[in-house]
C-alpha atoms as a PDB file:
ATOM      1  CA  MET A   1       6.446 -13.974   2.459  1.00  0.00           C
ATOM      2  CA  SER A   2       6.219 -10.803   4.551  1.00  0.00           C
ATOM      3  CA  ASN A   3       8.906  -8.676   2.874  1.00  0.00           C
ATOM      4  CA  LEU A   4       7.905  -8.503  -0.773  1.00  0.00           C
ATOM      5  CA  PRO A   5      10.182  -6.683  -3.222  1.00  0.00           C
ATOM      6  CA  THR A   6       9.120  -3.232  -4.362  1.00  0.00           C
ATOM      7  CA  ALA A   7       9.673  -4.195  -8.007  1.00  0.00           C
ATOM      8  CA  ILE A   8      10.713  -7.270  -9.951  1.00  0.00           C
ATOM      9  CA  ILE A   9      12.945  -7.562 -13.000  1.00  0.00           C
ATOM     10  CA  LEU A  10      12.187 -10.668 -15.046  1.00  0.00           C
ATOM     11  CA  ASP A  11      14.584 -12.340 -17.438  1.00  0.00           C
ATOM     12  CA  MET A  12      12.883 -13.869 -20.494  1.00  0.00           C
ATOM     13  CA  ASP A  13      14.778 -16.708 -22.249  1.00  0.00           C
ATOM     14  CA  GLY A  14      14.873 -19.728 -19.925  1.00  0.00           C
ATOM     15  CA  THR A  15      12.923 -17.881 -17.216  1.00  0.00           C
ATOM     16  CA  PHE A  16       9.597 -16.745 -18.655  1.00  0.00           C
ATOM     17  CA  PHE A  17       9.625 -18.794 -21.847  1.00  0.00           C
ATOM     18  CA  LEU A  18      11.753 -21.388 -23.597  1.00  0.00           C
ATOM     19  CA  GLY A  19      11.677 -21.370 -27.367  1.00  0.00           C
ATOM     20  CA  ASP A  20       8.093 -20.518 -28.286  1.00  0.00           C
ATOM     21  CA  ALA A  21       6.464 -21.866 -25.120  1.00  0.00           C
ATOM     22  CA  LEU A  22       5.721 -20.214 -21.792  1.00  0.00           C
ATOM     23  CA  LEU A  23       7.295 -21.777 -18.722  1.00  0.00           C
ATOM     24  CA  PRO A  24       5.187 -22.824 -15.684  1.00  0.00           C
ATOM     25  CA  GLY A  25       3.759 -19.961 -13.664  1.00  0.00           C
ATOM     26  CA  ALA A  26       4.627 -17.258 -16.219  1.00  0.00           C
ATOM     27  CA  LEU A  27       1.257 -15.584 -16.790  1.00  0.00           C
ATOM     28  CA  GLU A  28       0.051 -16.345 -13.262  1.00  0.00           C
ATOM     29  CA  LEU A  29       3.023 -14.443 -11.836  1.00  0.00           C
ATOM     30  CA  LEU A  30       2.199 -11.343 -13.892  1.00  0.00           C
ATOM     31  CA  ASP A  31      -1.420 -11.425 -12.706  1.00  0.00           C
ATOM     32  CA  TRP A  32      -0.286 -11.734  -9.070  1.00  0.00           C
ATOM     33  CA  LEU A  33       2.201  -8.880  -9.408  1.00  0.00           C
ATOM     34  CA  ASN A  34      -0.560  -6.653 -10.766  1.00  0.00           C
ATOM     35  CA  GLU A  35      -2.888  -7.666  -7.927  1.00  0.00           C
ATOM     36  CA  GLN A  36      -0.174  -6.796  -5.398  1.00  0.00           C
ATOM     37  CA  ARG A  37       0.684  -3.571  -7.253  1.00  0.00           C
ATOM     38  CA  ILE A  38       4.311  -4.660  -7.519  1.00  0.00           C
ATOM     39  CA  GLN A  39       6.048  -2.984 -10.441  1.00  0.00           C
ATOM     40  CA  PHE A  40       7.843  -5.191 -12.964  1.00  0.00           C
ATOM     41  CA  THR A  41       9.571  -5.214 -16.301  1.00  0.00           C
ATOM     42  CA  PHE A  42      11.170  -7.792 -18.533  1.00  0.00           C
ATOM     43  CA  LEU A  43      14.920  -7.457 -18.990  1.00  0.00           C
ATOM     44  CA  THR A  44      16.740  -9.542 -21.559  1.00  0.00           C
ATOM     45  CA  ASN A  45      20.307  -9.707 -22.803  1.00  0.00           C
ATOM     46  CA  ASN A  46      19.190 -11.403 -26.003  1.00  0.00           C
ATOM     47  CA  THR A  47      19.687  -8.951 -28.871  1.00  0.00           C
ATOM     48  CA  SER A  48      18.615 -11.293 -31.659  1.00  0.00           C
ATOM     49  CA  ARG A  49      15.332  -9.366 -31.703  1.00  0.00           C
ATOM     50  CA  GLY A  50      14.544  -5.683 -31.441  1.00  0.00           C
ATOM     51  CA  LYS A  51      12.254  -4.305 -28.744  1.00  0.00           C
ATOM     52  CA  GLN A  52       9.103  -4.182 -30.872  1.00  0.00           C
ATOM     53  CA  ASP A  53       9.553  -7.773 -32.023  1.00  0.00           C
ATOM     54  CA  TYR A  54       9.927  -8.907 -28.404  1.00  0.00           C
ATOM     55  CA  MET A  55       6.728  -7.092 -27.475  1.00  0.00           C
ATOM     56  CA  ARG A  56       4.906  -8.813 -30.330  1.00  0.00           C
ATOM     57  CA  MET A  57       6.344 -12.159 -29.220  1.00  0.00           C
ATOM     58  CA  LEU A  58       5.169 -11.685 -25.638  1.00  0.00           C
ATOM     59  CA  THR A  59       1.649 -10.700 -26.652  1.00  0.00           C
ATOM     60  CA  GLY A  60       1.595 -13.661 -29.041  1.00  0.00           C
ATOM     61  CA  LEU A  61       2.306 -15.910 -26.055  1.00  0.00           C
ATOM     62  CA  GLY A  62      -0.681 -14.512 -24.171  1.00  0.00           C
ATOM     63  CA  VAL A  63       0.894 -11.609 -22.270  1.00  0.00           C
ATOM     64  CA  ARG A  64      -1.463  -8.624 -22.157  1.00  0.00           C
ATOM     65  CA  LYS A  65      -0.128  -5.612 -24.056  1.00  0.00           C
ATOM     66  CA  GLU A  66       0.060  -3.467 -20.923  1.00  0.00           C
ATOM     67  CA  ASN A  67       2.199  -6.164 -19.270  1.00  0.00           C
ATOM     68  CA  ALA A  68       4.664  -6.467 -22.174  1.00  0.00           C
ATOM     69  CA  ARG A  69       7.058  -3.942 -20.662  1.00  0.00           C
ATOM     70  CA  ILE A  70      10.586  -4.718 -21.742  1.00  0.00           C
ATOM     71  CA  TYR A  71      14.105  -3.351 -21.617  1.00  0.00           C
ATOM     72  CA  THR A  72      16.819  -5.072 -23.643  1.00  0.00           C
ATOM     73  CA  ALA A  73      20.588  -5.030 -23.906  1.00  0.00           C
ATOM     74  CA  GLY A  74      19.919  -3.488 -27.314  1.00  0.00           C
ATOM     75  CA  ASP A  75      18.191  -0.550 -25.597  1.00  0.00           C
ATOM     76  CA  ALA A  76      21.170  -0.206 -23.257  1.00  0.00           C
ATOM     77  CA  THR A  77      23.508  -0.183 -26.266  1.00  0.00           C
ATOM     78  CA  VAL A  78      21.474   2.495 -28.042  1.00  0.00           C
ATOM     79  CA  SER A  79      21.576   4.619 -24.877  1.00  0.00           C
ATOM     80  CA  TYR A  80      25.350   4.140 -24.622  1.00  0.00           C
ATOM     81  CA  LEU A  81      25.921   5.083 -28.259  1.00  0.00           C
ATOM     82  CA  LYS A  82      23.794   8.224 -27.956  1.00  0.00           C
ATOM     83  CA  SER A  83      25.704   9.312 -24.849  1.00  0.00           C
ATOM     84  CA  ASN A  84      29.224   8.437 -25.993  1.00  0.00           C
ATOM     85  CA  TYR A  85      29.140   8.426 -29.818  1.00  0.00           C
ATOM     86  CA  PRO A  86      26.321  10.806 -30.819  1.00  0.00           C
ATOM     87  CA  GLY A  87      25.814  10.881 -34.583  1.00  0.00           C
ATOM     88  CA  ARG A  88      28.824   8.642 -35.232  1.00  0.00           C
ATOM     89  CA  ARG A  89      28.899   5.989 -37.946  1.00  0.00           C
ATOM     90  CA  VAL A  90      28.167   2.542 -36.459  1.00  0.00           C
ATOM     91  CA  LEU A  91      28.915  -0.851 -38.013  1.00  0.00           C
ATOM     92  CA  LEU A  92      26.515  -3.310 -36.358  1.00  0.00           C
ATOM     93  CA  VAL A  93      26.736  -7.079 -36.554  1.00  0.00           C
ATOM     94  CA  GLY A  94      23.149  -7.973 -35.742  1.00  0.00           C
ATOM     95  CA  THR A  95      19.873  -9.331 -37.054  1.00  0.00           C
ATOM     96  CA  GLN A  96      17.590  -7.307 -39.276  1.00  0.00           C
ATOM     97  CA  SER A  97      15.268  -6.922 -36.291  1.00  0.00           C
ATOM     98  CA  LEU A  98      18.031  -5.367 -34.174  1.00  0.00           C
ATOM     99  CA  ARG A  99      19.131  -3.154 -37.064  1.00  0.00           C
ATOM    100  CA  SER A 100      15.566  -1.857 -37.421  1.00  0.00           C
ATOM    101  CA  ASN A 101      15.498  -1.116 -33.680  1.00  0.00           C
ATOM    102  CA  PHE A 102      18.753   0.881 -33.924  1.00  0.00           C
ATOM    103  CA  LEU A 103      17.569   2.796 -37.001  1.00  0.00           C
ATOM    104  CA  GLU A 104      14.258   3.669 -35.321  1.00  0.00           C
ATOM    105  CA  GLU A 105      16.292   5.115 -32.443  1.00  0.00           C
ATOM    106  CA  GLY A 106      18.290   7.301 -34.825  1.00  0.00           C
ATOM    107  CA  ILE A 107      21.567   5.348 -34.783  1.00  0.00           C
ATOM    108  CA  ASN A 108      23.623   6.011 -37.938  1.00  0.00           C
ATOM    109  CA  LEU A 109      24.266   2.488 -39.240  1.00  0.00           C
ATOM    110  CA  VAL A 110      26.782   2.014 -42.052  1.00  0.00           C
ATOM    111  CA  ASN A 111      28.465  -0.861 -43.876  1.00  0.00           C
ATOM    112  CA  GLU A 112      31.700   0.970 -44.701  1.00  0.00           C
ATOM    113  CA  GLU A 113      34.063   3.431 -43.010  1.00  0.00           C
ATOM    114  CA  PRO A 114      32.540   3.211 -39.520  1.00  0.00           C
ATOM    115  CA  ASP A 115      33.617   5.138 -36.408  1.00  0.00           C
ATOM    116  CA  VAL A 116      32.584   2.472 -33.908  1.00  0.00           C
ATOM    117  CA  LEU A 117      31.844  -1.270 -34.026  1.00  0.00           C
ATOM    118  CA  VAL A 118      28.967  -3.035 -32.256  1.00  0.00           C
ATOM    119  CA  LEU A 119      28.606  -6.800 -31.922  1.00  0.00           C
ATOM    120  CA  GLY A 120      25.133  -8.187 -31.221  1.00  0.00           C
ATOM    121  CA  TYR A 121      23.703 -11.696 -30.941  1.00  0.00           C
ATOM    122  CA  ASP A 122      23.313 -12.238 -34.668  1.00  0.00           C
ATOM    123  CA  THR A 123      21.337 -15.381 -35.481  1.00  0.00           C
ATOM    124  CA  GLU A 124      21.641 -14.346 -39.146  1.00  0.00           C
ATOM    125  CA  LEU A 125      25.446 -14.245 -38.966  1.00  0.00           C
ATOM    126  CA  THR A 126      27.386 -14.740 -42.212  1.00  0.00           C
ATOM    127  CA  TYR A 127      31.060 -15.239 -42.859  1.00  0.00           C
ATOM    128  CA  GLN A 128      31.215 -11.928 -44.722  1.00  0.00           C
ATOM    129  CA  LYS A 129      29.901 -10.094 -41.655  1.00  0.00           C
ATOM    130  CA  LEU A 130      32.730 -11.606 -39.602  1.00  0.00           C
ATOM    131  CA  VAL A 131      35.310 -10.714 -42.251  1.00  0.00           C
ATOM    132  CA  ASP A 132      34.160  -7.070 -42.377  1.00  0.00           C
ATOM    133  CA  PHE A 133      33.943  -6.744 -38.588  1.00  0.00           C
ATOM    134  CA  CYS A 134      37.442  -8.162 -38.073  1.00  0.00           C
ATOM    135  CA  PHE A 135      38.826  -5.959 -40.862  1.00  0.00           C
ATOM    136  CA  TYR A 136      37.707  -2.807 -39.056  1.00  0.00           C
ATOM    137  CA  LEU A 137      38.723  -4.173 -35.650  1.00  0.00           C
ATOM    138  CA  ARG A 138      42.293  -4.410 -36.912  1.00  0.00           C
ATOM    139  CA  GLN A 139      42.157  -0.674 -37.613  1.00  0.00           C
ATOM    140  CA  GLY A 140      41.767  -0.032 -33.888  1.00  0.00           C
ATOM    141  CA  LEU A 141      38.174   1.217 -33.888  1.00  0.00           C
ATOM    142  CA  PRO A 142      36.151   1.176 -30.633  1.00  0.00           C
ATOM    143  CA  TYR A 143      34.538  -2.238 -30.035  1.00  0.00           C
ATOM    144  CA  ILE A 144      31.268  -2.622 -28.094  1.00  0.00           C
ATOM    145  CA  ALA A 145      29.334  -5.814 -27.339  1.00  0.00           C
ATOM    146  CA  THR A 146      25.657  -5.702 -26.443  1.00  0.00           C
ATOM    147  CA  HIS A 147      25.955  -8.391 -23.724  1.00  0.00           C
ATOM    148  CA  PRO A 148      28.269 -11.208 -22.531  1.00  0.00           C
ATOM    149  CA  ASP A 149      26.143 -14.410 -22.741  1.00  0.00           C
ATOM    150  CA  LEU A 150      28.068 -17.465 -23.919  1.00  0.00           C
ATOM    151  CA  ASN A 151      24.997 -19.515 -24.821  1.00  0.00           C
ATOM    152  CA  CYS A 152      21.288 -18.974 -25.376  1.00  0.00           C
ATOM    153  CA  PRO A 153      18.906 -21.570 -23.857  1.00  0.00           C
ATOM    154  CA  SER A 154      16.581 -23.386 -26.229  1.00  0.00           C
ATOM    155  CA  PRO A 155      14.326 -26.467 -26.186  1.00  0.00           C
ATOM    156  CA  ILE A 156      17.143 -28.484 -27.814  1.00  0.00           C
ATOM    157  CA  GLY A 157      19.837 -27.232 -25.436  1.00  0.00           C
ATOM    158  CA  PRO A 158      22.325 -24.339 -25.337  1.00  0.00           C
ATOM    159  CA  MET A 159      22.998 -22.515 -28.598  1.00  0.00           C
ATOM    160  CA  PRO A 160      26.084 -20.319 -29.263  1.00  0.00           C
ATOM    161  CA  ASP A 161      25.454 -16.730 -28.160  1.00  0.00           C
ATOM    162  CA  ILE A 162      27.493 -13.552 -28.494  1.00  0.00           C
ATOM    163  CA  GLY A 163      30.163 -14.684 -26.016  1.00  0.00           C
ATOM    164  CA  SER A 164      31.059 -17.483 -28.424  1.00  0.00           C
ATOM    165  CA  PHE A 165      31.312 -14.942 -31.260  1.00  0.00           C
ATOM    166  CA  MET A 166      33.634 -12.807 -29.106  1.00  0.00           C
ATOM    167  CA  ALA A 167      35.947 -15.792 -28.598  1.00  0.00           C
ATOM    168  CA  LEU A 168      36.110 -16.417 -32.351  1.00  0.00           C
ATOM    169  CA  ILE A 169      36.810 -12.744 -33.054  1.00  0.00           C
ATOM    170  CA  GLN A 170      39.487 -12.601 -30.350  1.00  0.00           C
ATOM    171  CA  THR A 171      41.213 -15.633 -31.853  1.00  0.00           C
ATOM    172  CA  SER A 172      41.326 -13.883 -35.224  1.00  0.00           C
ATOM    173  CA  THR A 173      42.142 -10.306 -34.169  1.00  0.00           C
ATOM    174  CA  GLY A 174      43.469 -10.496 -30.616  1.00  0.00           C
ATOM    175  CA  ARG A 175      40.843  -7.959 -29.530  1.00  0.00           C
ATOM    176  CA  THR A 176      38.112  -8.099 -26.903  1.00  0.00           C
ATOM    177  CA  PRO A 177      35.348  -5.491 -26.435  1.00  0.00           C
ATOM    178  CA  GLU A 178      36.236  -2.321 -24.555  1.00  0.00           C
ATOM    179  CA  VAL A 179      32.628  -2.167 -23.352  1.00  0.00           C
ATOM    180  CA  VAL A 180      30.204  -5.046 -22.701  1.00  0.00           C
ATOM    181  CA  LEU A 181      26.662  -3.901 -21.945  1.00  0.00           C
ATOM    182  CA  GLY A 182      23.621  -5.850 -20.740  1.00  0.00           C
ATOM    183  CA  LYS A 183      23.513  -7.884 -17.547  1.00  0.00           C
ATOM    184  CA  PRO A 184      25.527  -7.931 -15.262  1.00  0.00           C
ATOM    185  CA  ASN A 185      26.316  -4.282 -16.067  1.00  0.00           C
ATOM    186  CA  ALA A 186      25.010  -2.450 -12.987  1.00  0.00           C
ATOM    187  CA  GLY A 187      23.936   0.546 -15.064  1.00  0.00           C
ATOM    188  CA  ILE A 188      20.857  -1.274 -16.369  1.00  0.00           C
ATOM    189  CA  VAL A 189      19.465  -1.936 -12.873  1.00  0.00           C
ATOM    190  CA  GLN A 190      20.353   1.549 -11.669  1.00  0.00           C
ATOM    191  CA  GLU A 191      18.482   3.061 -14.623  1.00  0.00           C
ATOM    192  CA  LEU A 192      15.390   0.957 -13.909  1.00  0.00           C
ATOM    193  CA  ALA A 193      15.488   1.868 -10.210  1.00  0.00           C
ATOM    194  CA  ARG A 194      15.670   5.576 -11.087  1.00  0.00           C
ATOM    195  CA  ASN A 195      12.720   5.246 -13.450  1.00  0.00           C
ATOM    196  CA  TRP A 196      10.664   3.559 -10.714  1.00  0.00           C
ATOM    197  CA  GLY A 197      11.807   5.943  -7.988  1.00  0.00           C
ATOM    198  CA  VAL A 198      13.025   3.118  -5.729  1.00  0.00           C
ATOM    199  CA  GLN A 199      16.283   1.911  -4.233  1.00  0.00           C
ATOM    200  CA  VAL A 200      18.242  -0.789  -6.070  1.00  0.00           C
ATOM    201  CA  SER A 201      18.232  -2.858  -2.878  1.00  0.00           C
ATOM    202  CA  ASP A 202      14.404  -2.982  -3.056  1.00  0.00           C
ATOM    203  CA  LEU A 203      14.476  -4.780  -6.415  1.00  0.00           C
ATOM    204  CA  LEU A 204      14.481  -8.500  -7.143  1.00  0.00           C
ATOM    205  CA  MET A 205      16.151  -9.849 -10.300  1.00  0.00           C
ATOM    206  CA  VAL A 206      14.708 -13.199 -11.422  1.00  0.00           C
ATOM    207  CA  GLY A 207      16.659 -15.187 -13.991  1.00  0.00           C
ATOM    208  CA  ASP A 208      18.262 -18.464 -15.021  1.00  0.00           C
ATOM    209  CA  ARG A 209      21.905 -17.472 -15.581  1.00  0.00           C
ATOM    210  CA  LEU A 210      24.448 -17.252 -12.791  1.00  0.00           C
ATOM    211  CA  TYR A 211      27.018 -15.068 -14.550  1.00  0.00           C
ATOM    212  CA  THR A 212      24.508 -12.473 -15.802  1.00  0.00           C
ATOM    213  CA  ASP A 213      21.219 -12.474 -13.859  1.00  0.00           C
ATOM    214  CA  ILE A 214      22.572 -13.593 -10.495  1.00  0.00           C
ATOM    215  CA  ALA A 215      25.846 -11.684 -10.908  1.00  0.00           C
ATOM    216  CA  LEU A 216      23.748  -8.510 -10.615  1.00  0.00           C
ATOM    217  CA  GLY A 217      23.643  -9.249  -6.888  1.00  0.00           C
ATOM    218  CA  GLN A 218      27.341  -8.426  -6.752  1.00  0.00           C
ATOM    219  CA  THR A 219      27.611  -5.776  -9.454  1.00  0.00           C
ATOM    220  CA  ALA A 220      24.456  -3.803  -8.617  1.00  0.00           C
ATOM    221  CA  GLY A 221      23.482  -4.814  -5.071  1.00  0.00           C
ATOM    222  CA  VAL A 222      20.082  -6.116  -6.159  1.00  0.00           C
ATOM    223  CA  GLN A 223      18.388  -9.170  -4.614  1.00  0.00           C
ATOM    224  CA  THR A 224      18.415 -12.199  -6.906  1.00  0.00           C
ATOM    225  CA  ALA A 225      16.307 -15.303  -7.472  1.00  0.00           C
ATOM    226  CA  LEU A 226      17.581 -18.170  -9.618  1.00  0.00           C
ATOM    227  CA  VAL A 227      15.129 -20.341 -11.549  1.00  0.00           C
ATOM    228  CA  LEU A 228      16.282 -23.739 -12.778  1.00  0.00           C
ATOM    229  CA  SER A 229      14.094 -23.707 -15.903  1.00  0.00           C
ATOM    230  CA  GLY A 230      16.837 -22.515 -18.255  1.00  0.00           C
ATOM    231  CA  GLU A 231      20.627 -22.651 -18.431  1.00  0.00           C
ATOM    232  CA  THR A 232      21.611 -23.357 -14.825  1.00  0.00           C
ATOM    233  CA  HIS A 233      21.440 -26.671 -12.991  1.00  0.00           C
ATOM    234  CA  LEU A 234      21.492 -26.908  -9.211  1.00  0.00           C
ATOM    235  CA  SER A 235      24.923 -28.580  -9.376  1.00  0.00           C
ATOM    236  CA  ASN A 236      26.367 -25.433 -11.018  1.00  0.00           C
ATOM    237  CA  LEU A 237      25.834 -23.474  -7.806  1.00  0.00           C
ATOM    238  CA  HIS A 238      28.595 -25.254  -5.895  1.00  0.00           C
ATOM    239  CA  ASN A 239      31.450 -23.863  -7.991  1.00  0.00           C
ATOM    240  CA  SER A 240      29.918 -20.499  -8.839  1.00  0.00           C
ATOM    241  CA  GLN A 241      31.131 -17.234  -7.350  1.00  0.00           C
ATOM    242  CA  PHE A 242      27.627 -15.863  -7.872  1.00  0.00           C
ATOM    243  CA  LYS A 243      25.143 -16.977  -5.223  1.00  0.00           C
ATOM    244  CA  PRO A 244      21.425 -16.179  -5.462  1.00  0.00           C
ATOM    245  CA  ASP A 245      19.328 -15.102  -2.499  1.00  0.00           C
ATOM    246  CA  PHE A 246      16.614 -17.567  -3.559  1.00  0.00           C
ATOM    247  CA  VAL A 247      16.466 -20.695  -5.740  1.00  0.00           C
ATOM    248  CA  PHE A 248      13.283 -22.004  -7.387  1.00  0.00           C
ATOM    249  CA  GLU A 249      12.510 -24.689  -9.944  1.00  0.00           C
ATOM    250  CA  ASN A 250      10.486 -22.208 -11.999  1.00  0.00           C
ATOM    251  CA  LEU A 251       8.241 -19.150 -11.755  1.00  0.00           C
ATOM    252  CA  ALA A 252       5.373 -21.273 -10.426  1.00  0.00           C
ATOM    253  CA  ASP A 253       7.449 -22.183  -7.377  1.00  0.00           C
ATOM    254  CA  LEU A 254       8.549 -18.558  -6.963  1.00  0.00           C
ATOM    255  CA  LEU A 255       4.903 -17.446  -7.042  1.00  0.00           C
ATOM    256  CA  GLN A 256       3.940 -20.052  -4.459  1.00  0.00           C
ATOM    257  CA  PHE A 257       6.715 -18.808  -2.173  1.00  0.00           C
ATOM    258  CA  PHE A 258       5.727 -15.144  -2.587  1.00  0.00           C
ATOM    259  CA  SER A 259       2.029 -15.708  -2.043  1.00  0.00           C
ATOM    260  CA  SER A 260       2.322 -18.048   0.962  1.00  0.00           C
END
């Protein structure tokens, strides 16, 4: 391929790994990107883990520490809270890992009398958490979601993600989030492009979800490559409004295409 992207953004769940196993071509792609001096970072919507836990997970799978560069929807949410609700009291529905991430970043987490509500992908969700969250939602407090994913890919099939929680909460309270961060929010890609000193149009987003990863082609103007190793099947493309620039079975096929 003659026109290589200046930098690559890699999704994680269903793209780089599935469950606790790397997907074909994962580590080989990172080595090739380093050889070609193409910048890259991981970008995930999954907020069931904090940033440090994701870095430990990647290195545990064989990714070298210097390659475990990651930006999450949780990071985007922290940035949004600092800009729009500095020092305010935040009620977070999220895992202990995500809570630790927020606390390390100086977010003022509370269990009572919050100023703003944040919904994350909470794989430790309890009924009491839902009751408390809905109670404060009915008081009209600002409502933020870390990302929009309906399901999370896994070795046993799709598992309910934050989008499913939003539907439950809407049924109970009639409310939907005023702000949904993560992909396909264009701000994430624009921030990465600024950090790299490149144009958004020079980036390539690689992922397995049409309505988040590939939707960035429309929302942010970034090039997109769909891999069929996670949530999306080839048949889903026909009825989707989001069309990728490239389609590959997995990262191994993407690497073969790039290096040919």
